[in-house]
C-alpha atoms as a PDB file:
ATOM      1  CA  UNK A   1      27.080   4.953  -7.546  1.00  0.00           C
ATOM      2  CA  UNK A   2      26.194   4.614  -3.621  1.00  0.00           C
ATOM      3  CA  UNK A   3      29.445   4.409  -0.837  1.00  0.00           C
ATOM      4  CA  UNK A   4      28.995   1.921   1.792  1.00  0.00           C
ATOM      5  CA  UNK A   5      30.169   3.345   5.129  1.00  0.00           C
ATOM      6  CA  UNK A   6      32.288   0.737   7.033  1.00  0.00           C
ATOM      7  CA  UNK A   7      29.720   0.644   9.596  1.00  0.00           C
ATOM      8  CA  UNK A   8      27.434  -0.962   7.514  1.00  0.00           C
ATOM      9  CA  UNK A   9      26.783  -4.708   8.516  1.00  0.00           C
ATOM     10  CA  UNK A  10      26.759  -7.315   6.552  1.00  0.00           C
ATOM     11  CA  UNK A  11      23.721  -8.654   4.942  1.00  0.00           C
ATOM     12  CA  UNK A  12      23.271 -12.909   6.144  1.00  0.00           C
ATOM     13  CA  UNK A  13      23.183 -14.852   2.753  1.00  0.00           C
ATOM     14  CA  UNK A  14      20.062 -16.913   3.724  1.00  0.00           C
ATOM     15  CA  UNK A  15      18.386 -13.861   5.093  1.00  0.00           C
ATOM     16  CA  UNK A  16      18.390 -12.053   1.366  1.00  0.00           C
ATOM     17  CA  UNK A  17      15.276 -13.909   0.709  1.00  0.00           C
ATOM     18  CA  UNK A  18      13.343 -13.382   3.995  1.00  0.00           C
ATOM     19  CA  UNK A  19      13.716 -10.128   3.400  1.00  0.00           C
ATOM     20  CA  UNK A  20      12.451  -9.920   0.033  1.00  0.00           C
ATOM     21  CA  UNK A  21       9.436 -11.851   0.391  1.00  0.00           C
ATOM     22  CA  UNK A  22       8.593  -9.493   3.586  1.00  0.00           C
ATOM     23  CA  UNK A  23       8.547  -6.668   1.454  1.00  0.00           C
ATOM     24  CA  UNK A  24       6.479  -7.880  -0.950  1.00  0.00           C
ATOM     25  CA  UNK A  25       3.463  -8.490   0.920  1.00  0.00           C
ATOM     26  CA  UNK A  26       3.015  -4.618   0.767  1.00  0.00           C
ATOM     27  CA  UNK A  27      -0.157  -4.063  -0.839  1.00  0.00           C
ATOM     28  CA  UNK A  28       0.345  -2.624  -4.642  1.00  0.00           C
ATOM     29  CA  UNK A  29      -2.247  -0.705  -7.014  1.00  0.00           C
ATOM     30  CA  UNK A  30      -4.160  -3.968  -8.595  1.00  0.00           C
ATOM     31  CA  UNK A  31      -1.665  -6.060  -6.771  1.00  0.00           C
ATOM     32  CA  UNK A  32       0.899  -5.478  -9.591  1.00  0.00           C
ATOM     33  CA  UNK A  33       3.834  -5.857  -7.548  1.00  0.00           C
ATOM     34  CA  UNK A  34       5.664  -3.411  -9.525  1.00  0.00           C
ATOM     35  CA  UNK A  35       9.388  -3.439  -7.515  1.00  0.00           C
ATOM     36  CA  UNK A  36      12.361  -4.946  -7.642  1.00  0.00           C
ATOM     37  CA  UNK A  37      15.525  -5.934  -5.585  1.00  0.00           C
ATOM     38  CA  UNK A  38      19.548  -6.117  -5.647  1.00  0.00           C
ATOM     39  CA  UNK A  39      20.397  -7.257  -2.694  1.00  0.00           C
ATOM     40  CA  UNK A  40      24.555  -6.742  -2.080  1.00  0.00           C
ATOM     41  CA  UNK A  41      26.773  -7.641   0.754  1.00  0.00           C
ATOM     42  CA  UNK A  42      26.259  -4.463   2.668  1.00  0.00           C
ATOM     43  CA  UNK A  43      22.957  -2.830   1.221  1.00  0.00           C
ATOM     44  CA  UNK A  44      19.753  -3.600  -0.830  1.00  0.00           C
ATOM     45  CA  UNK A  45      18.314  -1.590  -3.507  1.00  0.00           C
ATOM     46  CA  UNK A  46      14.741  -0.888  -3.872  1.00  0.00           C
ATOM     47  CA  UNK A  47      14.058  -0.206  -7.681  1.00  0.00           C
ATOM     48  CA  UNK A  48      10.455   0.245  -9.555  1.00  0.00           C
ATOM     49  CA  UNK A  49       9.601  -2.126 -12.276  1.00  0.00           C
ATOM     50  CA  UNK A  50       8.094   0.124 -15.194  1.00  0.00           C
ATOM     51  CA  UNK A  51       7.123  -3.050 -17.040  1.00  0.00           C
ATOM     52  CA  UNK A  52       4.242  -3.368 -14.028  1.00  0.00           C
ATOM     53  CA  UNK A  53       3.275   0.198 -14.109  1.00  0.00           C
ATOM     54  CA  UNK A  54      -0.319   0.603 -15.330  1.00  0.00           C
ATOM     55  CA  UNK A  55      -0.820   2.378 -18.535  1.00  0.00           C
ATOM     56  CA  UNK A  56      -3.465   4.733 -17.257  1.00  0.00           C
ATOM     57  CA  UNK A  57      -0.620   6.050 -14.511  1.00  0.00           C
ATOM     58  CA  UNK A  58       1.625   8.369 -16.512  1.00  0.00           C
ATOM     59  CA  UNK A  59       3.043   9.908 -13.683  1.00  0.00           C
ATOM     60  CA  UNK A  60       3.949   6.912 -12.152  1.00  0.00           C
ATOM     61  CA  UNK A  61       2.343   7.967  -8.795  1.00  0.00           C
ATOM     62  CA  UNK A  62       0.397   4.677  -8.253  1.00  0.00           C
ATOM     63  CA  UNK A  63       3.677   2.509  -8.948  1.00  0.00           C
ATOM     64  CA  UNK A  64       5.468   4.319  -6.003  1.00  0.00           C
ATOM     65  CA  UNK A  65       2.615   4.301  -3.518  1.00  0.00           C
ATOM     66  CA  UNK A  66       3.020   0.654  -4.055  1.00  0.00           C
ATOM     67  CA  UNK A  67       7.213   0.797  -3.915  1.00  0.00           C
ATOM     68  CA  UNK A  68       7.002   2.813  -0.833  1.00  0.00           C
ATOM     69  CA  UNK A  69       4.765  -0.049   0.466  1.00  0.00           C
ATOM     70  CA  UNK A  70       7.067  -2.363  -0.350  1.00  0.00           C
ATOM     71  CA  UNK A  71      10.098  -0.332   1.182  1.00  0.00           C
ATOM     72  CA  UNK A  72       8.127  -0.154   4.762  1.00  0.00           C
ATOM     73  CA  UNK A  73       8.116  -3.877   4.462  1.00  0.00           C
ATOM     74  CA  UNK A  74      11.884  -4.021   3.785  1.00  0.00           C
ATOM     75  CA  UNK A  75      12.722  -1.571   6.812  1.00  0.00           C
ATOM     76  CA  UNK A  76      10.653  -3.555   8.921  1.00  0.00           C
ATOM     77  CA  UNK A  77      12.105  -7.136   7.854  1.00  0.00           C
ATOM     78  CA  UNK A  78      15.590  -5.313   8.457  1.00  0.00           C
ATOM     79  CA  UNK A  79      14.416  -4.640  12.562  1.00  0.00           C
ATOM     80  CA  UNK A  80      13.525  -8.232  12.914  1.00  0.00           C
ATOM     81  CA  UNK A  81      17.357  -9.107  12.318  1.00  0.00           C
ATOM     82  CA  UNK A  82      18.363  -6.456  14.948  1.00  0.00           C
ATOM     83  CA  UNK A  83      19.277  -3.793  11.934  1.00  0.00           C
ATOM     84  CA  UNK A  84      17.969  -0.199  11.603  1.00  0.00           C
ATOM     85  CA  UNK A  85      18.358   0.546   8.429  1.00  0.00           C
ATOM     86  CA  UNK A  86      19.825   3.783   6.969  1.00  0.00           C
ATOM     87  CA  UNK A  87      17.567   4.901   3.717  1.00  0.00           C
ATOM     88  CA  UNK A  88      18.291   7.240   0.642  1.00  0.00           C
ATOM     89  CA  UNK A  89      15.809   8.122  -1.522  1.00  0.00           C
ATOM     90  CA  UNK A  90      15.876   8.424  -5.172  1.00  0.00           C
ATOM     91  CA  UNK A  91      20.243   8.383  -4.117  1.00  0.00           C
ATOM     92  CA  UNK A  92      21.524   8.905  -7.912  1.00  0.00           C
ATOM     93  CA  UNK A  93      19.597  11.563 -10.436  1.00  0.00           C
ATOM     94  CA  UNK A  94      20.382   9.321 -13.115  1.00  0.00           C
ATOM     95  CA  UNK A  95      19.204   6.444 -12.250  1.00  0.00           C
ATOM     96  CA  UNK A  96      15.044   7.047 -11.757  1.00  0.00           C
ATOM     97  CA  UNK A  97      14.759   3.618 -11.564  1.00  0.00           C
ATOM     98  CA  UNK A  98      15.861   3.455  -8.498  1.00  0.00           C
ATOM     99  CA  UNK A  99      14.093   4.488  -5.470  1.00  0.00           C
ATOM    100  CA  UNK A 100      16.166   3.457  -2.304  1.00  0.00           C
ATOM    101  CA  UNK A 101      19.307   2.392  -1.256  1.00  0.00           C
ATOM    102  CA  UNK A 102      19.359   1.132   2.424  1.00  0.00           C
ATOM    103  CA  UNK A 103      22.496   0.352   4.644  1.00  0.00           C
ATOM    104  CA  UNK A 104      22.009  -2.185   7.550  1.00  0.00           C
ATOM    105  CA  UNK A 105      23.557  -0.860  10.728  1.00  0.00           C
ATOM    106  CA  UNK A 106      23.279  -2.543  14.013  1.00  0.00           C
ATOM    107  CA  UNK A 107      20.226  -0.993  16.224  1.00  0.00           C
ATOM    108  CA  UNK A 108      17.859  -2.076  18.966  1.00  0.00           C
ATOM    109  CA  UNK A 109      16.139  -4.874  19.605  1.00  0.00           C
ATOM    110  CA  UNK A 110      12.622  -4.839  18.060  1.00  0.00           C
ATOM    111  CA  UNK A 111       9.737  -3.074  20.175  1.00  0.00           C
ATOM    112  CA  UNK A 112       6.543  -4.968  20.752  1.00  0.00           C
ATOM    113  CA  UNK A 113       4.605  -2.824  18.608  1.00  0.00           C
ATOM    114  CA  UNK A 114       7.190  -3.673  15.993  1.00  0.00           C
ATOM    115  CA  UNK A 115       6.962  -7.495  16.600  1.00  0.00           C
ATOM    116  CA  UNK A 116       3.378  -7.600  16.375  1.00  0.00           C
ATOM    117  CA  UNK A 117       3.435  -6.131  12.849  1.00  0.00           C
ATOM    118  CA  UNK A 118       5.799  -8.414  11.818  1.00  0.00           C
ATOM    119  CA  UNK A 119       3.165 -10.834  12.687  1.00  0.00           C
ATOM    120  CA  UNK A 120       0.459  -9.511  10.821  1.00  0.00           C
ATOM    121  CA  UNK A 121       2.379  -9.365   7.682  1.00  0.00           C
ATOM    122  CA  UNK A 122       0.910 -12.609   6.172  1.00  0.00           C
ATOM    123  CA  UNK A 123      -2.911 -11.812   7.144  1.00  0.00           C
ATOM    124  CA  UNK A 124      -2.931  -7.927   6.360  1.00  0.00           C
ATOM    125  CA  UNK A 125      -4.789  -7.571   3.164  1.00  0.00           C
ATOM    126  CA  UNK A 126      -7.150  -4.798   1.165  1.00  0.00           C
ATOM    127  CA  UNK A 127     -10.397  -5.449   2.291  1.00  0.00           C
ATOM    128  CA  UNK A 128     -13.484  -5.550  -0.111  1.00  0.00           C
ATOM    129  CA  UNK A 129     -16.060  -7.648   1.612  1.00  0.00           C
ATOM    130  CA  UNK A 130     -18.221  -7.141   4.624  1.00  0.00           C
ATOM    131  CA  UNK A 131     -16.712  -5.822   7.975  1.00  0.00           C
ATOM    132  CA  UNK A 132     -17.822  -7.884  11.001  1.00  0.00           C
ATOM    133  CA  UNK A 133     -20.043  -5.363  13.551  1.00  0.00           C
ATOM    134  CA  UNK A 134     -19.082  -3.316  16.202  1.00  0.00           C
ATOM    135  CA  UNK A 135     -16.221  -0.503  16.882  1.00  0.00           C
ATOM    136  CA  UNK A 136     -12.761  -0.889  16.511  1.00  0.00           C
ATOM    137  CA  UNK A 137     -10.377  -1.342  19.472  1.00  0.00           C
ATOM    138  CA  UNK A 138     -10.161   1.493  21.731  1.00  0.00           C
ATOM    139  CA  UNK A 139      -7.441   4.293  21.198  1.00  0.00           C
ATOM    140  CA  UNK A 140      -6.665   2.204  17.587  1.00  0.00           C
ATOM    141  CA  UNK A 141      -7.422   5.554  15.455  1.00  0.00           C
ATOM    142  CA  UNK A 142      -5.123   7.382  17.750  1.00  0.00           C
ATOM    143  CA  UNK A 143      -2.318   4.477  17.192  1.00  0.00           C
ATOM    144  CA  UNK A 144      -2.618   4.825  13.899  1.00  0.00           C
ATOM    145  CA  UNK A 145      -2.535   8.646  13.582  1.00  0.00           C
ATOM    146  CA  UNK A 146       0.393   8.495  14.964  1.00  0.00           C
ATOM    147  CA  UNK A 147       1.998   5.171  12.858  1.00  0.00           C
ATOM    148  CA  UNK A 148       0.974   7.907  10.020  1.00  0.00           C
ATOM    149  CA  UNK A 149       2.758  10.935  11.586  1.00  0.00           C
ATOM    150  CA  UNK A 150       6.148   9.005  11.974  1.00  0.00           C
ATOM    151  CA  UNK A 151       6.394   8.412   8.022  1.00  0.00           C
ATOM    152  CA  UNK A 152       5.991  12.530   8.100  1.00  0.00           C
ATOM    153  CA  UNK A 153       2.247  11.944   7.235  1.00  0.00           C
ATOM    154  CA  UNK A 154      -0.858  12.463   8.537  1.00  0.00           C
ATOM    155  CA  UNK A 155      -4.302  10.298   8.833  1.00  0.00           C
ATOM    156  CA  UNK A 156      -7.130  12.328   8.939  1.00  0.00           C
ATOM    157  CA  UNK A 157     -10.128  11.244  10.257  1.00  0.00           C
ATOM    158  CA  UNK A 158     -13.809  11.748   8.741  1.00  0.00           C
ATOM    159  CA  UNK A 159     -15.800  12.004  11.709  1.00  0.00           C
ATOM    160  CA  UNK A 160     -18.521  14.963  10.709  1.00  0.00           C
ATOM    161  CA  UNK A 161     -21.299  13.763   8.456  1.00  0.00           C
ATOM    162  CA  UNK A 162     -21.895  16.654   6.069  1.00  0.00           C
ATOM    163  CA  UNK A 163     -17.174  16.236   5.354  1.00  0.00           C
ATOM    164  CA  UNK A 164     -18.173  12.452   4.955  1.00  0.00           C
ATOM    165  CA  UNK A 165     -21.328  13.379   2.914  1.00  0.00           C
ATOM    166  CA  UNK A 166     -18.788  15.514   0.624  1.00  0.00           C
ATOM    167  CA  UNK A 167     -15.944  13.237   0.593  1.00  0.00           C
ATOM    168  CA  UNK A 168     -18.485  10.217  -0.611  1.00  0.00           C
ATOM    169  CA  UNK A 169     -19.927  12.619  -3.636  1.00  0.00           C
ATOM    170  CA  UNK A 170     -16.636  13.221  -4.698  1.00  0.00           C
ATOM    171  CA  UNK A 171     -15.140   9.490  -4.639  1.00  0.00           C
ATOM    172  CA  UNK A 172     -18.421   8.635  -6.284  1.00  0.00           C
ATOM    173  CA  UNK A 173     -18.159  10.955  -9.416  1.00  0.00           C
ATOM    174  CA  UNK A 174     -14.875  10.582  -9.740  1.00  0.00           C
ATOM    175  CA  UNK A 175     -15.257   6.512  -9.765  1.00  0.00           C
ATOM    176  CA  UNK A 176     -18.118   7.100 -12.385  1.00  0.00           C
ATOM    177  CA  UNK A 177     -16.019   8.709 -14.693  1.00  0.00           C
ATOM    178  CA  UNK A 178     -12.640   6.956 -14.376  1.00  0.00           C
ATOM    179  CA  UNK A 179     -14.607   3.612 -14.675  1.00  0.00           C
ATOM    180  CA  UNK A 180     -16.663   4.567 -17.795  1.00  0.00           C
ATOM    181  CA  UNK A 181     -13.256   4.983 -19.714  1.00  0.00           C
ATOM    182  CA  UNK A 182     -12.241   2.383 -21.737  1.00  0.00           C
ATOM    183  CA  UNK A 183      -8.818   2.341 -20.969  1.00  0.00           C
ATOM    184  CA  UNK A 184      -8.944   1.979 -17.289  1.00  0.00           C
ATOM    185  CA  UNK A 185     -11.758  -0.870 -18.083  1.00  0.00           C
ATOM    186  CA  UNK A 186      -9.154  -2.711 -20.065  1.00  0.00           C
ATOM    187  CA  UNK A 187      -6.641  -2.168 -17.268  1.00  0.00           C
ATOM    188  CA  UNK A 188      -8.917  -3.485 -14.680  1.00  0.00           C
ATOM    189  CA  UNK A 189      -9.482  -6.513 -17.487  1.00  0.00           C
ATOM    190  CA  UNK A 190      -6.073  -7.067 -17.449  1.00  0.00           C
ATOM    191  CA  UNK A 191      -5.350  -7.070 -13.939  1.00  0.00           C
ATOM    192  CA  UNK A 192      -7.714  -9.363 -12.811  1.00  0.00           C
ATOM    193  CA  UNK A 193      -8.473 -13.328 -12.376  1.00  0.00           C
ATOM    194  CA  UNK A 194     -10.719 -15.852 -11.840  1.00  0.00           C
ATOM    195  CA  UNK A 195     -11.465 -17.852  -8.991  1.00  0.00           C
ATOM    196  CA  UNK A 196      -9.508 -20.858 -10.530  1.00  0.00           C
ATOM    197  CA  UNK A 197      -6.708 -19.211 -12.398  1.00  0.00           C
ATOM    198  CA  UNK A 198      -3.127 -19.894 -10.574  1.00  0.00           C
ATOM    199  CA  UNK A 199      -1.669 -16.116 -11.925  1.00  0.00           C
ATOM    200  CA  UNK A 200       0.253 -14.924  -8.731  1.00  0.00           C
ATOM    201  CA  UNK A 201      -0.471 -11.019  -9.720  1.00  0.00           C
ATOM    202  CA  UNK A 202      -3.519  -9.176  -9.771  1.00  0.00           C
ATOM    203  CA  UNK A 203      -6.646  -9.315  -8.198  1.00  0.00           C
ATOM    204  CA  UNK A 204      -8.422 -12.756  -7.673  1.00  0.00           C
ATOM    205  CA  UNK A 205     -12.307 -13.459  -8.194  1.00  0.00           C
ATOM    206  CA  UNK A 206     -12.091 -14.576  -4.323  1.00  0.00           C
ATOM    207  CA  UNK A 207     -10.901 -10.923  -3.544  1.00  0.00           C
ATOM    208  CA  UNK A 208     -13.810  -8.764  -5.069  1.00  0.00           C
ATOM    209  CA  UNK A 209     -17.835  -8.573  -5.253  1.00  0.00           C
ATOM    210  CA  UNK A 210     -19.592  -8.993  -8.184  1.00  0.00           C
ATOM    211  CA  UNK A 211     -21.448  -6.215  -7.460  1.00  0.00           C
ATOM    212  CA  UNK A 212     -19.495  -2.704  -5.562  1.00  0.00           C
ATOM    213  CA  UNK A 213     -21.391  -2.412  -2.344  1.00  0.00           C
ATOM    214  CA  UNK A 214     -23.654   0.577  -1.751  1.00  0.00           C
ATOM    215  CA  UNK A 215     -24.447   2.327   1.443  1.00  0.00           C
ATOM    216  CA  UNK A 216     -24.061   5.957   2.008  1.00  0.00           C
ATOM    217  CA  UNK A 217     -21.884   5.378   4.670  1.00  0.00           C
ATOM    218  CA  UNK A 218     -18.998   3.338   2.263  1.00  0.00           C
ATOM    219  CA  UNK A 219     -17.359   5.321   0.223  1.00  0.00           C
ATOM    220  CA  UNK A 220     -17.513   4.641  -4.160  1.00  0.00           C
ATOM    221  CA  UNK A 221     -15.805   1.378  -4.432  1.00  0.00           C
ATOM    222  CA  UNK A 222     -13.672   0.134  -7.577  1.00  0.00           C
ATOM    223  CA  UNK A 223     -15.950  -1.910 -10.391  1.00  0.00           C
ATOM    224  CA  UNK A 224     -12.880  -5.050 -10.641  1.00  0.00           C
ATOM    225  CA  UNK A 225     -15.984  -7.482 -12.047  1.00  0.00           C
ATOM    226  CA  UNK A 226     -16.899  -5.243 -14.763  1.00  0.00           C
ATOM    227  CA  UNK A 227     -20.280  -7.221 -15.352  1.00  0.00           C
ATOM    228  CA  UNK A 228     -18.201 -10.595 -15.704  1.00  0.00           C
ATOM    229  CA  UNK A 229     -19.980 -12.080 -12.768  1.00  0.00           C
ATOM    230  CA  UNK A 230     -16.806 -13.379 -11.726  1.00  0.00           C
ATOM    231  CA  UNK A 231     -16.417 -11.852  -8.037  1.00  0.00           C
ATOM    232  CA  UNK A 232     -17.060 -14.216  -5.233  1.00  0.00           C
ATOM    233  CA  UNK A 233     -17.455 -12.197  -2.511  1.00  0.00           C
ATOM    234  CA  UNK A 234     -20.749 -11.287  -0.927  1.00  0.00           C
ATOM    235  CA  UNK A 235     -21.857  -7.932  -1.442  1.00  0.00           C
ATOM    236  CA  UNK A 236     -20.932  -5.225   1.361  1.00  0.00           C
ATOM    237  CA  UNK A 237     -23.849  -3.600   2.952  1.00  0.00           C
ATOM    238  CA  UNK A 238     -22.321  -2.888   6.420  1.00  0.00           C
ATOM    239  CA  UNK A 239     -21.313   0.522   7.689  1.00  0.00           C
ATOM    240  CA  UNK A 240     -17.196   0.460   8.133  1.00  0.00           C
ATOM    241  CA  UNK A 241     -16.666   1.986  11.550  1.00  0.00           C
ATOM    242  CA  UNK A 242     -13.985   4.792  10.491  1.00  0.00           C
ATOM    243  CA  UNK A 243     -13.328   6.831   7.756  1.00  0.00           C
ATOM    244  CA  UNK A 244     -10.007   8.338   7.008  1.00  0.00           C
ATOM    245  CA  UNK A 245      -7.985  10.283   4.259  1.00  0.00           C
ATOM    246  CA  UNK A 246      -3.579   9.594   4.066  1.00  0.00           C
ATOM    247  CA  UNK A 247      -2.342  13.055   3.376  1.00  0.00           C
ATOM    248  CA  UNK A 248       1.302  13.826   2.622  1.00  0.00           C
ATOM    249  CA  UNK A 249       2.961  17.088   3.146  1.00  0.00           C
ATOM    250  CA  UNK A 250       3.672  17.536  -0.932  1.00  0.00           C
ATOM    251  CA  UNK A 251       2.521  15.725  -3.886  1.00  0.00           C
ATOM    252  CA  UNK A 252       6.077  14.712  -5.337  1.00  0.00           C
ATOM    253  CA  UNK A 253       7.529  11.244  -6.039  1.00  0.00           C
ATOM    254  CA  UNK A 254       8.975  11.719  -2.440  1.00  0.00           C
ATOM    255  CA  UNK A 255       5.822  12.396  -0.824  1.00  0.00           C
ATOM    256  CA  UNK A 256       4.557   9.551  -2.968  1.00  0.00           C
ATOM    257  CA  UNK A 257       6.883   7.341  -1.793  1.00  0.00           C
ATOM    258  CA  UNK A 258       6.113   8.358   1.996  1.00  0.00           C
ATOM    259  CA  UNK A 259       2.699   7.901   1.486  1.00  0.00           C
ATOM    260  CA  UNK A 260       3.301   4.169   0.627  1.00  0.00           C
ATOM    261  CA  UNK A 261       5.427   3.789   3.432  1.00  0.00           C
ATOM    262  CA  UNK A 262       3.047   5.411   5.744  1.00  0.00           C
ATOM    263  CA  UNK A 263      -0.184   3.169   4.186  1.00  0.00           C
ATOM    264  CA  UNK A 264       1.525   0.257   5.257  1.00  0.00           C
ATOM    265  CA  UNK A 265       2.708   1.013   8.335  1.00  0.00           C
ATOM    266  CA  UNK A 266      -1.094   2.090   8.971  1.00  0.00           C
ATOM    267  CA  UNK A 267      -2.746  -1.108   7.629  1.00  0.00           C
ATOM    268  CA  UNK A 268       0.170  -3.161   9.919  1.00  0.00           C
ATOM    269  CA  UNK A 269      -0.325  -1.620  13.009  1.00  0.00           C
ATOM    270  CA  UNK A 270      -4.809  -2.214  12.219  1.00  0.00           C
ATOM    271  CA  UNK A 271      -3.985  -6.067  11.221  1.00  0.00           C
ATOM    272  CA  UNK A 272      -2.577  -6.247  14.697  1.00  0.00           C
ATOM    273  CA  UNK A 273      -6.171  -6.238  15.835  1.00  0.00           C
ATOM    274  CA  UNK A 274      -7.435  -7.289  13.599  1.00  0.00           C
ATOM    275  CA  UNK A 275      -8.935  -4.230  11.998  1.00  0.00           C
ATOM    276  CA  UNK A 276      -8.513  -4.241   7.917  1.00  0.00           C
ATOM    277  CA  UNK A 277      -9.080  -1.331   5.656  1.00  0.00           C
ATOM    278  CA  UNK A 278     -11.126  -0.674   2.122  1.00  0.00           C
ATOM    279  CA  UNK A 279      -8.744   1.528  -0.064  1.00  0.00           C
ATOM    280  CA  UNK A 280     -10.314   4.051  -2.034  1.00  0.00           C
ATOM    281  CA  UNK A 281      -7.441   5.073  -4.660  1.00  0.00           C
ATOM    282  CA  UNK A 282      -9.298   5.552  -7.816  1.00  0.00           C
ATOM    283  CA  UNK A 283     -10.561   8.721  -6.959  1.00  0.00           C
ATOM    284  CA  UNK A 284      -7.192  10.003  -6.018  1.00  0.00           C
ATOM    285  CA  UNK A 285      -5.586   9.299  -9.623  1.00  0.00           C
ATOM    286  CA  UNK A 286      -7.384  12.521 -10.471  1.00  0.00           C
ATOM    287  CA  UNK A 287      -5.106  15.851  -9.451  1.00  0.00           C
ATOM    288  CA  UNK A 288      -8.132  17.605  -9.530  1.00  0.00           C
ATOM    289  CA  UNK A 289     -10.044  15.496  -6.973  1.00  0.00           C
ATOM    290  CA  UNK A 290      -7.082  15.195  -4.877  1.00  0.00           C
ATOM    291  CA  UNK A 291      -7.324  18.913  -4.755  1.00  0.00           C
ATOM    292  CA  UNK A 292     -11.163  19.045  -4.154  1.00  0.00           C
ATOM    293  CA  UNK A 293     -10.910  16.723  -1.207  1.00  0.00           C
ATOM    294  CA  UNK A 294      -8.072  18.822   0.267  1.00  0.00           C
ATOM    295  CA  UNK A 295     -10.185  21.518   0.427  1.00  0.00           C
ATOM    296  CA  UNK A 296     -13.284  19.771   1.637  1.00  0.00           C
ATOM    297  CA  UNK A 297     -10.758  18.214   4.704  1.00  0.00           C
ATOM    298  CA  UNK A 298      -9.138  21.750   5.034  1.00  0.00           C
ATOM    299  CA  UNK A 299      -5.965  20.193   5.205  1.00  0.00           C
ATOM    300  CA  UNK A 300      -2.570  21.338   3.670  1.00  0.00           C
ATOM    301  CA  UNK A 301      -0.902  18.711   2.448  1.00  0.00           C
ATOM    302  CA  UNK A 302      -2.066  16.712  -0.391  1.00  0.00           C
ATOM    303  CA  UNK A 303      -4.732  13.801  -0.154  1.00  0.00           C
ATOM    304  CA  UNK A 304      -3.003  10.120  -1.590  1.00  0.00           C
ATOM    305  CA  UNK A 305      -5.195   7.675  -0.086  1.00  0.00           C
ATOM    306  CA  UNK A 306      -9.076   6.984   0.941  1.00  0.00           C
ATOM    307  CA  UNK A 307      -9.266   4.720   3.867  1.00  0.00           C
ATOM    308  CA  UNK A 308     -12.365   2.637   5.638  1.00  0.00           C
ATOM    309  CA  UNK A 309     -11.539   0.548   8.346  1.00  0.00           C
ATOM    310  CA  UNK A 310     -13.552  -2.261  10.008  1.00  0.00           C
ATOM    311  CA  UNK A 311     -12.898  -5.446  11.952  1.00  0.00           C
ATOM    312  CA  UNK A 312     -12.597  -8.233   9.522  1.00  0.00           C
ATOM    313  CA  UNK A 313     -11.065 -11.543  11.692  1.00  0.00           C
ATOM    314  CA  UNK A 314     -10.014 -13.184   8.041  1.00  0.00           C
ATOM    315  CA  UNK A 315      -6.414 -14.809   7.312  1.00  0.00           C
ATOM    316  CA  UNK A 316      -7.084 -15.356   3.290  1.00  0.00           C
ATOM    317  CA  UNK A 317      -4.607 -12.985   1.879  1.00  0.00           C
ATOM    318  CA  UNK A 318      -3.825 -12.431  -2.076  1.00  0.00           C
ATOM    319  CA  UNK A 319      -0.873 -14.300  -3.858  1.00  0.00           C
ATOM    320  CA  UNK A 320       2.459 -12.925  -4.271  1.00  0.00           C
ATOM    321  CA  UNK A 321       4.725 -14.036  -7.106  1.00  0.00           C
ATOM    322  CA  UNK A 322       8.206 -15.681  -6.256  1.00  0.00           C
ATOM    323  CA  UNK A 323      10.983 -13.816  -4.391  1.00  0.00           C
ATOM    324  CA  UNK A 324      13.262 -15.001  -7.506  1.00  0.00           C
ATOM    325  CA  UNK A 325      10.794 -12.766  -9.757  1.00  0.00           C
ATOM    326  CA  UNK A 326      11.617  -9.677  -7.984  1.00  0.00           C
ATOM    327  CA  UNK A 327      15.634 -10.262  -7.694  1.00  0.00           C
ATOM    328  CA  UNK A 328      18.236  -8.632 -10.022  1.00  0.00           C
ATOM    329  CA  UNK A 329      21.707  -9.269  -9.857  1.00  0.00           C
ATOM    330  CA  UNK A 330      24.095  -7.631  -7.430  1.00  0.00           C
ATOM    331  CA  UNK A 331      26.674  -4.976  -9.043  1.00  0.00           C
ATOM    332  CA  UNK A 332      30.228  -6.596  -8.114  1.00  0.00           C
ATOM    333  CA  UNK A 333      31.754  -3.515  -6.967  1.00  0.00           C
ATOM    334  CA  UNK A 334      28.678  -1.866  -5.584  1.00  0.00           C
ATOM    335  CA  UNK A 335      28.189  -3.922  -2.373  1.00  0.00           C
END
């Protein structure tokens, strides 16, 4: 059981829903939203929801990256209340579903950047459509690299065309192989819904094109339509403004949580400038491909997510489930 320090701040009853709702706006694989929260008097626990783990994610890597993103959202929401949360990852070895234990403590006021990132939470979304023409705002990529570094990760920019071409070849080969796997195709069908669906998870038809984009500058994109002609987004044939790969020091469950926190932090900072990203995660499901990309980038850590950035001034965000579906009862004696 986690011991709560006497310096911990009590979480206001009327703000618990806000904290969880903000955390739940995080990106997740297939929009599975695989997280649960236990809110106590002086702490919040983040747990994974194994019922929402993809069947083709045996190690839980994709699920933990998603939950790491929710963890950063929860930390940011706590900052809005004037708290600086103390976080322990995997605090109880006997409970592998318990990913993080957060204790709010009094902290400095939110910075201007934190306030801007919090305002960007509602319109931040994974972008699978066309980008607007033009370069990214000056200096933004440098700031995005700093945000990743703040989470003990690295955002490696792919500037050289030969490296980009090899990255594109690796991701395309992996997407082709994995996309032909009947299990993966069944998983995609399970988590995609038609334009008139009222389901509040998964990827709706308005969020993907019927035909994945093809252009030399664009990395291969997961095919959510699978020939069903459901997708309503126009096919994107434009070039992104920048390509990057998020890298963590290692490839352990803690690194996957770290990757998720860094990913959400980078995406929110980009969203403050109405810059969105297409996430390329399917190739990264293969450790062989991750190692091949690591060698191509000549980095010491492990690639976790490939991203392509561009301007996208749209506030359409993917649906989320109600807050009460994420909450589990607090432990009476734990706080």
